[in-house]
Amino acid sequence: MMTLPCVTTTTGTGRGCRVLGEHLSTCRGIELDGTRAIECAGCLPQPSAHGLLCESCYLRLQDALDVAVDSITHMRSIERGPVPDGPNVQTSKPGSKMILPVSWLTADEAWSVLRELAFRSDPLDFLQVDKRGTTAYGFGSRDSIKRVRDHVALAVDLARGAELGRLHVAQLAVRFYRVMQHALSAFPFEEAAQPFAYATCRDCGNRTLERRPPLEHLDPITVRCVFPGCGAIYHPALVEYDLATYRETLESADAA
């Protein structure tokens, strides 16, 4: 039985789907990297292993599905979107539009691909998502974080059963994991939970403070001590004050 190549071979080939050291008969031994000619490390496409996806693409898809709920929810929670005063509010100028945060637009893009992938997997069950009021293009500006999370969680469950042997579905799967890779690069979870360098916990005296993201829109950003047994929580302004005082102490010591 003939094994087909990974679908990415015919839809915008990626380096991850090549076989290192194996070359097509037409390969000249070089390839372009921007404007530079470099040695070709391998061009023979990876064989499909899961439907029309190679093993590498399949694992990337699973990784993307594993983080989709938390990632899309995170992108919707880290910025505040425009909230109109009422359903009949008119814009000030004809044709003008409300500006959405970039993280929301990225979340909507990921949702759009995930939604279609879930629909192709099970159209009847997917009606459970559609009847809740979401659209093919994104979430509403008034949708709560819980609503977003519930939509994505259901779509992920359905997408796991996608028929990857169908060309369009396999192409959607590749597009989805690439969108998620971009989303994780642009809005990583680490961006919302960062250590405060040089900041000391007032309770335990350790430099183990972390900036924590808001879990819901308009929730405050907090700073929490992650030292075992402590867990003290501070307002960011208080930590910034301590850091400013620490800097002043160092500058005074240098000037002395």
Protein backbone atom coordinates (compact mmCIF):
# COMPACT_ATOMS: atom_id res chain seq x y z
CA MET A 1 0.00 0.00 0.00
CA MET A 2 1.41 3.37 -1.05
CA THR A 3 2.08 5.88 1.76
CA LEU A 4 1.12 9.46 0.93
CA PRO A 5 3.36 12.39 1.92
CA CYS A 6 2.34 14.77 4.72
CA VAL A 7 -0.29 17.28 3.58
CA THR A 8 2.08 20.20 4.26
CA THR A 9 4.13 19.09 1.25
CA THR A 10 1.41 20.43 -1.01
CA THR A 11 0.22 23.31 1.19
CA GLY A 12 3.14 25.53 2.01
CA THR A 13 5.89 23.11 2.94
CA GLY A 14 7.53 23.48 6.31
CA ARG A 15 11.06 22.47 7.27
CA GLY A 16 9.70 20.21 10.01
CA CYS A 17 8.13 17.94 7.37
CA ARG A 18 11.36 17.11 5.56
CA VAL A 19 13.49 14.01 5.95
CA LEU A 20 17.02 15.08 6.85
CA GLY A 21 19.61 13.78 4.40
CA GLU A 22 17.02 12.42 1.95
CA HIS A 23 16.68 14.32 -1.31
CA LEU A 24 14.34 14.40 -4.26
CA SER A 25 15.78 13.40 -7.63
CA THR A 26 15.48 17.02 -8.78
CA CYS A 27 17.35 18.45 -5.76
CA ARG A 28 20.54 20.35 -6.67
CA GLY A 29 21.92 20.14 -3.15
CA ILE A 30 21.26 23.78 -2.28
CA GLU A 31 18.29 25.84 -1.15
CA LEU A 32 17.58 29.52 -0.56
CA ASP A 33 17.51 30.92 2.97
CA GLY A 34 16.29 34.42 2.27
CA THR A 35 18.85 35.64 -0.25
CA ARG A 36 21.59 33.15 0.74
CA ALA A 37 22.17 29.81 -0.90
CA ILE A 38 22.82 27.12 1.72
CA GLU A 39 23.29 23.38 1.66
CA CYS A 40 20.03 21.46 1.48
CA ALA A 41 19.75 19.31 4.62
CA GLY A 42 16.97 17.21 3.17
CA CYS A 43 13.91 17.68 0.99
CA LEU A 44 12.15 14.33 0.73
CA PRO A 45 8.75 14.86 2.41
CA GLN A 46 7.81 13.06 5.61
CA PRO A 47 5.31 10.23 5.04
CA SER A 48 1.81 10.61 6.47
CA ALA A 49 1.23 8.65 9.68
CA HIS A 50 -2.13 9.96 10.98
CA GLY A 51 -4.49 10.46 8.08
CA LEU A 52 -2.65 12.96 5.87
CA LEU A 53 -0.43 14.30 8.67
CA CYS A 54 3.10 13.15 9.40
CA GLU A 55 4.05 12.31 12.97
CA SER A 56 5.55 15.77 13.59
CA CYS A 57 2.45 17.64 12.38
CA TYR A 58 0.16 15.33 14.33
CA LEU A 59 2.07 15.98 17.57
CA ARG A 60 1.96 19.74 16.90
CA LEU A 61 -1.80 19.50 16.42
CA GLN A 62 -2.23 17.63 19.70
CA ASP A 63 -0.06 20.17 21.52
CA ALA A 64 -2.15 23.01 20.05
CA LEU A 65 -5.40 21.35 21.15
CA ASP A 66 -3.96 20.75 24.63
CA VAL A 67 -3.27 24.47 25.19
CA ALA A 68 -6.13 25.97 23.15
CA VAL A 69 -8.56 26.46 26.05
CA ASP A 70 -6.03 28.18 28.31
CA SER A 71 -4.35 30.13 25.50
CA ILE A 72 -7.50 31.57 23.90
CA THR A 73 -8.97 32.36 27.33
CA HIS A 74 -5.68 34.03 28.29
CA MET A 75 -5.71 36.21 25.16
CA ARG A 76 -9.25 37.34 25.96
CA SER A 77 -8.42 38.16 29.57
CA ILE A 78 -5.21 40.19 29.34
CA GLU A 79 -6.75 43.22 27.62
CA ARG A 80 -10.05 45.06 27.91
CA GLY A 81 -12.17 45.35 24.79
CA PRO A 82 -14.59 48.13 23.85
CA VAL A 83 -17.87 47.94 25.74
CA PRO A 84 -20.67 50.09 24.25
CA ASP A 85 -23.10 51.91 26.54
CA GLY A 86 -26.07 50.12 25.04
CA PRO A 87 -27.28 47.98 22.15
CA ASN A 88 -28.33 50.99 20.05
CA VAL A 89 -25.15 53.05 20.43
CA GLN A 90 -24.11 54.66 17.15
CA THR A 91 -20.51 55.39 16.17
CA SER A 92 -19.51 59.03 15.91
CA LYS A 93 -18.62 58.84 12.20
CA PRO A 94 -20.24 56.89 9.36
CA GLY A 95 -18.24 53.76 8.65
CA SER A 96 -16.11 53.98 11.81
CA LYS A 97 -15.51 50.86 13.83
CA MET A 98 -14.62 50.00 17.41
CA ILE A 99 -10.97 49.06 17.84
CA LEU A 100 -10.41 45.60 19.32
CA PRO A 101 -7.25 44.63 21.24
CA VAL A 102 -4.71 42.68 19.18
CA SER A 103 -4.92 39.76 21.62
CA TRP A 104 -8.68 39.56 20.99
CA LEU A 105 -8.16 39.52 17.22
CA THR A 106 -5.61 36.70 17.60
CA ALA A 107 -8.03 34.78 19.82
CA ASP A 108 -10.75 35.24 17.20
CA GLU A 109 -8.46 33.96 14.45
CA ALA A 110 -7.64 30.84 16.45
CA TRP A 111 -11.30 30.35 17.29
CA SER A 112 -12.35 30.68 13.63
CA VAL A 113 -10.07 27.82 12.53
CA LEU A 114 -10.84 25.66 15.58
CA ARG A 115 -14.56 26.19 15.06
CA GLU A 116 -14.43 24.96 11.46
CA LEU A 117 -12.24 22.01 12.45
CA ALA A 118 -14.78 21.01 15.11
CA PHE A 119 -17.69 21.47 12.70
CA ARG A 120 -16.04 19.27 10.05
CA SER A 121 -15.52 16.62 12.74
CA ASP A 122 -19.13 16.47 13.96
CA PRO A 123 -21.62 18.97 12.45
CA LEU A 124 -24.58 17.80 14.56
CA ASP A 125 -22.83 18.01 17.92
CA PHE A 126 -21.29 21.30 16.92
CA LEU A 127 -24.75 22.88 16.83
CA GLN A 128 -24.37 22.95 20.64
CA VAL A 129 -21.69 25.62 20.14
CA ASP A 130 -23.54 27.66 17.54
CA LYS A 131 -26.79 27.84 19.47
CA ARG A 132 -24.96 29.55 22.34
CA GLY A 133 -24.59 32.71 20.27
CA THR A 134 -21.01 32.69 18.98
CA THR A 135 -20.14 33.22 15.31
CA ALA A 136 -17.67 31.82 12.80
CA TYR A 137 -15.52 34.92 13.10
CA GLY A 138 -15.05 35.45 16.78
CA PHE A 139 -16.52 36.20 20.17
CA GLY A 140 -18.63 39.20 21.10
CA SER A 141 -17.22 42.18 22.98
CA ARG A 142 -19.52 41.35 25.90
CA ASP A 143 -18.72 37.63 26.12
CA SER A 144 -17.45 36.64 29.56
CA ILE A 145 -14.26 34.66 30.07
CA LYS A 146 -16.35 31.69 31.22
CA ARG A 147 -18.42 31.81 28.04
CA VAL A 148 -15.29 31.88 25.90
CA ARG A 149 -13.76 29.00 27.85
CA ASP A 150 -16.90 26.86 27.53
CA HIS A 151 -17.07 27.43 23.75
CA VAL A 152 -13.42 26.56 23.19
CA ALA A 153 -13.50 23.51 25.49
CA LEU A 154 -16.43 21.99 23.58
CA ALA A 155 -14.84 22.74 20.19
CA VAL A 156 -11.54 21.15 21.30
CA ASP A 157 -13.33 17.97 22.38
CA LEU A 158 -14.97 17.68 18.96
CA ALA A 159 -11.81 18.61 17.03
CA ARG A 160 -9.92 15.70 18.60
CA GLY A 161 -12.10 13.37 16.56
CA ALA A 162 -11.42 15.13 13.24
CA GLU A 163 -11.03 12.87 10.19
CA LEU A 164 -7.44 13.71 9.26
CA GLY A 165 -7.59 11.51 6.19
CA ARG A 166 -9.77 14.13 4.45
CA LEU A 167 -7.70 16.73 2.62
CA HIS A 168 -9.58 19.84 3.76
CA VAL A 169 -9.67 18.68 7.38
CA ALA A 170 -5.93 17.90 7.38
CA GLN A 171 -5.23 21.35 5.91
CA LEU A 172 -7.38 22.93 8.64
CA ALA A 173 -5.45 20.99 11.28
CA VAL A 174 -2.14 22.35 9.98
CA ARG A 175 -3.53 25.87 9.79
CA PHE A 176 -4.83 25.60 13.36
CA TYR A 177 -1.56 24.50 14.96
CA ARG A 178 0.30 27.22 13.05
CA VAL A 179 -2.16 29.87 14.27
CA MET A 180 -1.71 28.56 17.81
CA GLN A 181 2.09 28.63 17.48
CA HIS A 182 1.85 32.29 16.47
CA ALA A 183 -0.53 33.01 19.36
CA LEU A 184 1.75 31.37 21.92
CA SER A 185 4.70 33.34 20.56
CA ALA A 186 2.84 36.66 20.59
CA PHE A 187 0.99 36.14 23.89
CA PRO A 188 2.87 33.51 25.93
CA PHE A 189 1.58 32.59 29.36
CA GLU A 190 4.96 33.63 30.80
CA GLU A 191 4.24 37.18 29.65
CA ALA A 192 1.43 37.38 32.18
CA ALA A 193 3.29 35.75 35.09
CA GLN A 194 6.76 37.22 35.46
CA PRO A 195 9.16 37.35 38.39
CA PHE A 196 9.99 40.75 39.88
CA ALA A 197 13.79 40.90 39.80
CA TYR A 198 15.34 42.29 43.00
CA ALA A 199 11.92 42.72 44.67
CA THR A 200 11.77 41.32 48.23
CA CYS A 201 8.68 39.88 49.88
CA ARG A 202 7.79 41.96 52.93
CA ASP A 203 6.55 38.88 54.79
CA CYS A 204 9.24 36.24 54.29
CA GLY A 205 12.13 38.38 53.01
CA ASN A 206 12.78 36.24 49.92
CA ARG A 207 13.08 37.48 46.36
CA THR A 208 10.27 35.24 45.16
CA LEU A 209 7.62 37.69 43.94
CA GLU A 210 5.72 37.11 40.67
CA ARG A 211 3.40 39.37 38.71
CA ARG A 212 0.12 37.48 38.22
CA PRO A 213 -2.35 38.10 35.35
CA PRO A 214 -6.00 39.07 35.78
CA LEU A 215 -8.35 36.09 35.54
CA GLU A 216 -11.33 38.17 34.46
CA HIS A 217 -11.75 41.48 32.67
CA LEU A 218 -11.11 44.46 34.96
CA ASP A 219 -9.66 42.22 37.67
CA PRO A 220 -6.52 43.76 39.22
CA ILE A 221 -3.01 42.62 38.40
CA THR A 222 -1.49 41.23 41.58
CA VAL A 223 1.95 40.31 42.84
CA ARG A 224 2.24 37.06 44.78
CA CYS A 225 5.09 35.48 46.72
CA VAL A 226 5.66 31.93 45.45
CA PHE A 227 7.96 30.89 48.29
CA PRO A 228 6.56 27.67 49.87
CA GLY A 229 4.57 28.48 52.98
CA CYS A 230 4.33 32.22 52.29
CA GLY A 231 1.93 33.15 49.44
CA ALA A 232 1.67 36.83 50.43
CA ILE A 233 -0.17 39.02 47.87
CA TYR A 234 0.69 42.67 47.16
CA HIS A 235 -0.55 45.48 44.94
CA PRO A 236 1.95 46.12 42.08
CA ALA A 237 2.30 49.78 43.15
CA LEU A 238 3.62 48.69 46.56
CA VAL A 239 6.26 46.46 44.93
CA GLU A 240 7.26 49.26 42.55
CA TYR A 241 7.68 51.54 45.60
CA ASP A 242 9.95 48.97 47.26
CA LEU A 243 12.00 48.68 44.07
CA ALA A 244 12.34 52.47 43.79
CA THR A 245 13.51 52.62 47.42
CA TYR A 246 16.00 49.82 46.72
CA ARG A 247 17.38 51.71 43.70
CA GLU A 248 17.75 54.90 45.74
CA THR A 249 19.69 52.96 48.39
CA LEU A 250 22.08 51.58 45.77
CA GLU A 251 22.58 55.00 44.17
CA SER A 252 23.28 56.57 47.56
CA ALA A 253 25.83 53.84 48.33
CA ASP A 254 27.58 54.45 44.99
CA ALA A 255 27.68 58.20 45.53
CA ALA A 256 29.14 57.88 49.04
